[in-house]
Amino acid sequence: MNNPLATPPKYSTSIKRVAMLFSGGPAPAANSVIGAAAAVFSKNGVEVLGMQNGYTHLEKYDGTPLEEGVAYKKLCWKCMEGVRNSNGILIGTARVNPGKLLKKPEDLRDPEKTAPMKRTYDALCSLGVDALISLGGDDTLTTAAKFKLWQDTLPADAKRIKVVHLPKTIDNDYAGIDFTFGYFSAVEFLAHECYNLLADARATGTYYIAQVMGRAAGWLAYGAAIAGEASFVVSLEDIADDWWYEEETVSPKTGEIVRGEDGKPMMRKVVKLDLLVNRIADQVMAREREGKSYGVIVMAEGIAEFLPLVDIRECVSESEYKKLEPDSFGHFPVSQLKYSTYVGHKVAAIVAAKTGIKKKFVGLQFGYEIRCNKPVAFDVVLGSQLGCGAYRALCEKGVNGVMVSVDERFEVLYRPFEELINFEKLRATPRPIFPGESMHMLARYLETRTDCE
């Protein structure tokens, strides 16, 4: 670009109409992505259809024309001013997943299992869409990759809808991008809450156990704890190898052992909760020795899924317990179960038994309130770059089957699905917060040492 202030050129492209959808849980800065993408595409002559509530209307398409204002809305740059800093999701979201039946490569040629995918394809074709832009987490990335792979099985003369994915999750557990939009906004909210709790804890001599989102990765818990000056943080990645064991899966409804197809008891992997509780108690007693009889403990919600059934039972009512059903892996749908109060009672009992000091522990749970809060500037800039990157991927670079990412200078990158997906399992590659890496160790360095008397 000879003139730094020159308007970027309009690129010659076969893309005339794109469909954009948001899938999965909300995240701050969602509208930054949607607004930027809609503005850039439409300013450059490409029509944008914002699909309402994710794949909902696409997946159930039956040949009846999709209705504007119900199934989709047209997004134009003239209406995008002020959108990028707004809360919520302009086009809504849902967890409908047309690729959920596709679990291995051979499933891509199974007409029954690919039927939801075909309905989605037919719906997009009926709208004259040339490309699909999906915003979402690792499940949505996986669905985008499956949609591309399924189209690869179609006859050579069949229409091909290009696919570009934009990474979203407040959990920040994405391979292929350093930070996802919404992460720092969620951390900002939680850090503020943790710091307020710390002030209250100091004033009242209380311990708060704040349970935060993060099913499979502890990025959110660690970010909130570090920025909010919490006293201790633990996530699923912190469970040591010898803190795991297996137990037989028992049906809460019947009280009977659940058996697999081979007739053997189905085993589920669980945490030795007492070891974790003792580690938290050690931290509390170390702070007592420092003269700090208060604090804030941050725990990631994902630990709940791996609690022994006897402990899960203590965290829910009897009627809720009876409704629990294990999935095909023996897991119960309790990732967002509030277990912080129960853990607090157990820690208090250990501290009292070892020191004679009676401490008050209060369990709290933060969840849905963080997902649509106002985005911080970093996430607005990042989201805007990703939204613009969708246009650049499709119209400037002409690529297909990529996730838009950025490097440390916010230069736009295009990550092929092949780099991000385990094709044997048709699953996105996870990115936990690894014990020993610097983000993890930062929390350990800032916490009270437990080896000091």
Foldseek 3Di string as FASTA:
>chain_A
DVDPPDDDDQFDAPFAEEEEEEEDFFFAQQQLLVLLLQAQCQVSRHKYKYAAAGCVCQLPADPPQDDEVHGTHTRHNVPSVPRRQAFDHPRHHYHDALQPLPFFLVLLPPCVSNVSLVSNVVNCVSVVGQAYEYEYAQSRLLSQLSSQSSVVPDPPPDRDRFYEYAYDDLLQWAPPARGHFRVVLLLVVLLVVLLVVQVVCQVPLAEEEEEEEHQPACPSLLSSCVSNVFQEEDEPQPQDPVQKDKDFQAQLQPRHFDADPVRHTQIAIAGNVLVVLVVVLLLCVLVVVVVRSGGYYYYYLNNLQRHPLVLLPVQDDSVVSNPWDADPNSTTPRSQGQNQVVSQVSSQVVNCVVPVDGHHYHYHYDYSVSRGPGGDPVSSVLSSLQSSLVCCCCRVVNDGQWYWYADPVRDIDTHHSVVAADNRRSGGDTHHDHPPDDSNVVSVVSHRDSPDD
